[in-house]
Amino acid sequence: MVDHILANISVYMTKTVPQMNIPEIIVSVLAVLVIIHALVMLGRVLFQRYRKNTKGS
């Protein structure tokens, strides 16, 4: 699943980057990093909640 998403992103990048200027590339990279960071934070919160629930029971 992740490999499929990465493949799509790489295809999208190779199609769009030649038409893009540098600031747009930087903004898109930052946007991707922010999304990844948000997913990691969400995963960490869910994982902590899951661990608390299993310890409590």
PDB file of N, CA and C in Angstrom:
ATOM      1  N   MET A   1       0.836  -1.207   0.000  1.00  0.00           N
ATOM      2  CA  MET A   1       0.000   0.000   0.000  1.00  0.00           C
ATOM      3  C   MET A   1       0.871   1.257   0.000  1.00  0.00           C
ATOM      4  N   VAL A   2       1.814   1.321   0.949  1.00  0.00           N
ATOM      5  CA  VAL A   2       2.708   2.483   1.028  1.00  0.00           C
ATOM      6  C   VAL A   2       3.546   2.603  -0.240  1.00  0.00           C
ATOM      7  N   ASP A   3       4.050   1.460  -0.748  1.00  0.00           N
ATOM      8  CA  ASP A   3       4.842   1.465  -1.978  1.00  0.00           C
ATOM      9  C   ASP A   3       4.024   2.029  -3.136  1.00  0.00           C
ATOM     10  N   HIS A   4       2.741   1.649  -3.190  1.00  0.00           N
ATOM     11  CA  HIS A   4       1.845   2.129  -4.242  1.00  0.00           C
ATOM     12  C   HIS A   4       1.688   3.644  -4.159  1.00  0.00           C
ATOM     13  N   ILE A   5       1.503   4.153  -2.942  1.00  0.00           N
ATOM     14  CA  ILE A   5       1.367   5.600  -2.737  1.00  0.00           C
ATOM     15  C   ILE A   5       2.655   6.316  -3.138  1.00  0.00           C
ATOM     16  N   LEU A   6       3.799   5.783  -2.725  1.00  0.00           N
ATOM     17  CA  LEU A   6       5.083   6.391  -3.065  1.00  0.00           C
ATOM     18  C   LEU A   6       5.299   6.399  -4.577  1.00  0.00           C
ATOM     19  N   ALA A   7       4.901   5.320  -5.242  1.00  0.00           N
ATOM     20  CA  ALA A   7       5.026   5.246  -6.693  1.00  0.00           C
ATOM     21  C   ALA A   7       4.168   6.330  -7.351  1.00  0.00           C
ATOM     22  N   ASN A   8       2.942   6.493  -6.854  1.00  0.00           N
ATOM     23  CA  ASN A   8       2.060   7.538  -7.383  1.00  0.00           C
ATOM     24  C   ASN A   8       2.655   8.929  -7.170  1.00  0.00           C
ATOM     25  N   ILE A   9       3.230   9.154  -5.976  1.00  0.00           N
ATOM     26  CA  ILE A   9       3.839  10.450  -5.678  1.00  0.00           C
ATOM     27  C   ILE A   9       5.015  10.704  -6.619  1.00  0.00           C
ATOM     28  N   SER A  10       5.848   9.696  -6.840  1.00  0.00           N
ATOM     29  CA  SER A  10       7.012   9.881  -7.703  1.00  0.00           C
ATOM     30  C   SER A  10       6.590  10.159  -9.147  1.00  0.00           C
ATOM     31  N   VAL A  11       5.541   9.467  -9.617  1.00  0.00           N
ATOM     32  CA  VAL A  11       5.014   9.724 -10.968  1.00  0.00           C
ATOM     33  C   VAL A  11       4.464  11.143 -11.047  1.00  0.00           C
ATOM     34  N   TYR A  12       3.704  11.536 -10.036  1.00  0.00           N
ATOM     35  CA  TYR A  12       3.130  12.879  -9.968  1.00  0.00           C
ATOM     36  C   TYR A  12       4.238  13.934  -9.976  1.00  0.00           C
ATOM     37  N   MET A  13       5.288  13.691  -9.180  1.00  0.00           N
ATOM     38  CA  MET A  13       6.405  14.621  -9.122  1.00  0.00           C
ATOM     39  C   MET A  13       7.088  14.750 -10.478  1.00  0.00           C
ATOM     40  N   THR A  14       7.372  13.618 -11.135  1.00  0.00           N
ATOM     41  CA  THR A  14       8.078  13.671 -12.418  1.00  0.00           C
ATOM     42  C   THR A  14       7.220  14.357 -13.481  1.00  0.00           C
ATOM     43  N   LYS A  15       5.893  14.238 -13.368  1.00  0.00           N
ATOM     44  CA  LYS A  15       5.014  14.909 -14.338  1.00  0.00           C
ATOM     45  C   LYS A  15       4.926  16.408 -14.076  1.00  0.00           C
ATOM     46  N   THR A  16       4.850  16.807 -12.797  1.00  0.00           N
ATOM     47  CA  THR A  16       4.548  18.207 -12.482  1.00  0.00           C
ATOM     48  C   THR A  16       5.790  19.064 -12.287  1.00  0.00           C
ATOM     49  N   VAL A  17       6.874  18.492 -11.764  1.00  0.00           N
ATOM     50  CA  VAL A  17       8.055  19.297 -11.427  1.00  0.00           C
ATOM     51  C   VAL A  17       8.615  20.080 -12.614  1.00  0.00           C
ATOM     52  N   PRO A  18       8.724  19.489 -13.830  1.00  0.00           N
ATOM     53  CA  PRO A  18       9.284  20.270 -14.945  1.00  0.00           C
ATOM     54  C   PRO A  18       8.536  21.578 -15.226  1.00  0.00           C
ATOM     55  N   GLN A  19       7.219  21.605 -14.967  1.00  0.00           N
ATOM     56  CA  GLN A  19       6.438  22.821 -15.212  1.00  0.00           C
ATOM     57  C   GLN A  19       6.445  23.771 -14.008  1.00  0.00           C
ATOM     58  N   MET A  20       6.907  23.276 -12.864  1.00  0.00           N
ATOM     59  CA  MET A  20       6.857  24.074 -11.647  1.00  0.00           C
ATOM     60  C   MET A  20       8.115  24.911 -11.485  1.00  0.00           C
ATOM     61  N   ASN A  21       7.964  26.066 -10.797  1.00  0.00           N
ATOM     62  CA  ASN A  21       9.148  26.846 -10.452  1.00  0.00           C
ATOM     63  C   ASN A  21       9.594  26.466  -9.036  1.00  0.00           C
ATOM     64  N   ILE A  22      10.750  26.975  -8.630  1.00  0.00           N
ATOM     65  CA  ILE A  22      11.373  26.509  -7.390  1.00  0.00           C
ATOM     66  C   ILE A  22      10.487  26.734  -6.154  1.00  0.00           C
ATOM     67  N   PRO A  23       9.886  27.915  -5.958  1.00  0.00           N
ATOM     68  CA  PRO A  23       9.054  28.100  -4.757  1.00  0.00           C
ATOM     69  C   PRO A  23       7.913  27.090  -4.654  1.00  0.00           C
ATOM     70  N   GLU A  24       7.281  26.754  -5.772  1.00  0.00           N
ATOM     71  CA  GLU A  24       6.189  25.775  -5.754  1.00  0.00           C
ATOM     72  C   GLU A  24       6.700  24.408  -5.326  1.00  0.00           C
ATOM     73  N   ILE A  25       7.895  24.032  -5.807  1.00  0.00           N
ATOM     74  CA  ILE A  25       8.505  22.752  -5.416  1.00  0.00           C
ATOM     75  C   ILE A  25       8.752  22.743  -3.906  1.00  0.00           C
ATOM     76  N   ILE A  26       9.320  23.834  -3.387  1.00  0.00           N
ATOM     77  CA  ILE A  26       9.606  23.919  -1.950  1.00  0.00           C
ATOM     78  C   ILE A  26       8.320  23.809  -1.150  1.00  0.00           C
ATOM     79  N   VAL A  27       7.277  24.534  -1.588  1.00  0.00           N
ATOM     80  CA  VAL A  27       5.994  24.509  -0.878  1.00  0.00           C
ATOM     81  C   VAL A  27       5.398  23.107  -0.885  1.00  0.00           C
ATOM     82  N   SER A  28       5.476  22.420  -2.043  1.00  0.00           N
ATOM     83  CA  SER A  28       4.904  21.072  -2.129  1.00  0.00           C
ATOM     84  C   SER A  28       5.674  20.095  -1.246  1.00  0.00           C
ATOM     85  N   VAL A  29       6.994  20.228  -1.197  1.00  0.00           N
ATOM     86  CA  VAL A  29       7.817  19.376  -0.328  1.00  0.00           C
ATOM     87  C   VAL A  29       7.464  19.628   1.142  1.00  0.00           C
ATOM     88  N   LEU A  30       7.330  20.902   1.508  1.00  0.00           N
ATOM     89  CA  LEU A  30       6.943  21.242   2.878  1.00  0.00           C
ATOM     90  C   LEU A  30       5.569  20.687   3.219  1.00  0.00           C
ATOM     91  N   ALA A  31       4.642  20.783   2.267  1.00  0.00           N
ATOM     92  CA  ALA A  31       3.294  20.249   2.491  1.00  0.00           C
ATOM     93  C   ALA A  31       3.349  18.747   2.748  1.00  0.00           C
ATOM     94  N   VAL A  32       4.142  18.024   1.960  1.00  0.00           N
ATOM     95  CA  VAL A  32       4.295  16.576   2.144  1.00  0.00           C
ATOM     96  C   VAL A  32       4.885  16.283   3.526  1.00  0.00           C
ATOM     97  N   LEU A  33       5.906  17.041   3.929  1.00  0.00           N
ATOM     98  CA  LEU A  33       6.526  16.849   5.243  1.00  0.00           C
ATOM     99  C   LEU A  33       5.531  17.102   6.370  1.00  0.00           C
ATOM    100  N   VAL A  34       4.713  18.151   6.220  1.00  0.00           N
ATOM    101  CA  VAL A  34       3.705  18.468   7.242  1.00  0.00           C
ATOM    102  C   VAL A  34       2.690  17.333   7.360  1.00  0.00           C
ATOM    103  N   ILE A  35       2.256  16.808   6.209  1.00  0.00           N
ATOM    104  CA  ILE A  35       1.295  15.691   6.204  1.00  0.00           C
ATOM    105  C   ILE A  35       1.900  14.475   6.900  1.00  0.00           C
ATOM    106  N   ILE A  36       3.147  14.136   6.548  1.00  0.00           N
ATOM    107  CA  ILE A  36       3.820  12.981   7.154  1.00  0.00           C
ATOM    108  C   ILE A  36       3.942  13.193   8.666  1.00  0.00           C
ATOM    109  N   HIS A  37       4.335  14.401   9.079  1.00  0.00           N
ATOM    110  CA  HIS A  37       4.485  14.713  10.500  1.00  0.00           C
ATOM    111  C   HIS A  37       3.154  14.545  11.234  1.00  0.00           C
ATOM    112  N   ALA A  38       2.077  15.039  10.624  1.00  0.00           N
ATOM    113  CA  ALA A  38       0.747  14.919  11.230  1.00  0.00           C
ATOM    114  C   ALA A  38       0.354  13.451  11.387  1.00  0.00           C
ATOM    115  N   LEU A  39       0.629  12.641  10.361  1.00  0.00           N
ATOM    116  CA  LEU A  39       0.308  11.210  10.421  1.00  0.00           C
ATOM    117  C   LEU A  39       1.110  10.525  11.521  1.00  0.00           C
ATOM    118  N   VAL A  40       2.394  10.869  11.642  1.00  0.00           N
ATOM    119  CA  VAL A  40       3.246  10.278  12.676  1.00  0.00           C
ATOM    120  C   VAL A  40       2.729  10.640  14.068  1.00  0.00           C
ATOM    121  N   MET A  41       2.380  11.914  14.252  1.00  0.00           N
ATOM    122  CA  MET A  41       1.852  12.363  15.549  1.00  0.00           C
ATOM    123  C   MET A  41       0.553  11.640  15.889  1.00  0.00           C
ATOM    124  N   LEU A  42      -0.338  11.518  14.898  1.00  0.00           N
ATOM    125  CA  LEU A  42      -1.611  10.834  15.092  1.00  0.00           C
ATOM    126  C   LEU A  42      -1.366   9.375  15.459  1.00  0.00           C
ATOM    127  N   GLY A  43      -0.460   8.724  14.747  1.00  0.00           N
ATOM    128  CA  GLY A  43      -0.133   7.331  15.026  1.00  0.00           C
ATOM    129  C   GLY A  43       0.424   7.157  16.434  1.00  0.00           C
ATOM    130  N   ARG A  44       1.261   8.103  16.874  1.00  0.00           N
ATOM    131  CA  ARG A  44       1.855   8.035  18.203  1.00  0.00           C
ATOM    132  C   ARG A  44       0.773   8.169  19.283  1.00  0.00           C
ATOM    133  N   VAL A  45      -0.153   9.111  19.083  1.00  0.00           N
ATOM    134  CA  VAL A  45      -1.247   9.321  20.043  1.00  0.00           C
ATOM    135  C   VAL A  45      -2.117   8.068  20.131  1.00  0.00           C
ATOM    136  N   LEU A  46      -2.476   7.512  18.977  1.00  0.00           N
ATOM    137  CA  LEU A  46      -3.313   6.306  18.955  1.00  0.00           C
ATOM    138  C   LEU A  46      -2.589   5.142  19.628  1.00  0.00           C
ATOM    139  N   PHE A  47      -1.290   5.024  19.376  1.00  0.00           N
ATOM    140  CA  PHE A  47      -0.500   3.939  19.946  1.00  0.00           C
ATOM    141  C   PHE A  47      -0.440   4.053  21.469  1.00  0.00           C
ATOM    142  N   GLN A  48      -0.231   5.285  21.977  1.00  0.00           N
ATOM    143  CA  GLN A  48      -0.193   5.505  23.429  1.00  0.00           C
ATOM    144  C   GLN A  48      -1.539   5.162  24.053  1.00  0.00           C
ATOM    145  N   ARG A  49      -2.626   5.578  23.406  1.00  0.00           N
ATOM    146  CA  ARG A  49      -3.967   5.305  23.914  1.00  0.00           C
ATOM    147  C   ARG A  49      -4.207   3.790  23.958  1.00  0.00           C
ATOM    148  N   TYR A  50      -3.772   3.108  22.895  1.00  0.00           N
ATOM    149  CA  TYR A  50      -3.920   1.652  22.819  1.00  0.00           C
ATOM    150  C   TYR A  50      -3.138   0.973  23.943  1.00  0.00           C
ATOM    151  N   ARG A  51      -1.915   1.424  24.205  1.00  0.00           N
ATOM    152  CA  ARG A  51      -1.089   0.835  25.264  1.00  0.00           C
ATOM    153  C   ARG A  51      -1.710   1.067  26.638  1.00  0.00           C
ATOM    154  N   LYS A  52      -2.252   2.269  26.861  1.00  0.00           N
ATOM    155  CA  LYS A  52      -2.907   2.574  28.137  1.00  0.00           C
ATOM    156  C   LYS A  52      -4.107   1.644  28.350  1.00  0.00           C
ATOM    157  N   ASN A  53      -4.893   1.438  27.301  1.00  0.00           N
ATOM    158  CA  ASN A  53      -6.076   0.576  27.403  1.00  0.00           C
ATOM    159  C   ASN A  53      -5.687  -0.860  27.726  1.00  0.00           C
ATOM    160  N   THR A  54      -4.626  -1.369  27.117  1.00  0.00           N
ATOM    161  CA  THR A  54      -4.220  -2.755  27.345  1.00  0.00           C
ATOM    162  C   THR A  54      -3.634  -2.913  28.751  1.00  0.00           C
ATOM    163  N   LYS A  55      -2.917  -1.905  29.252  1.00  0.00           N
ATOM    164  CA  LYS A  55      -2.366  -1.976  30.613  1.00  0.00           C
ATOM    165  C   LYS A  55      -3.480  -1.926  31.651  1.00  0.00           C
ATOM    166  N   GLY A  56      -4.491  -1.070  31.407  1.00  0.00           N
ATOM    167  CA  GLY A  56      -5.571  -0.874  32.373  1.00  0.00           C
ATOM    168  C   GLY A  56      -6.398  -2.127  32.604  1.00  0.00           C
ATOM    169  N   SER A  57      -6.596  -2.931  31.557  1.00  0.00           N
ATOM    170  CA  SER A  57      -7.494  -4.095  31.690  1.00  0.00           C
ATOM    171  C   SER A  57      -6.837  -5.262  32.408  1.00  0.00           C
TER     172      SER A  57
END
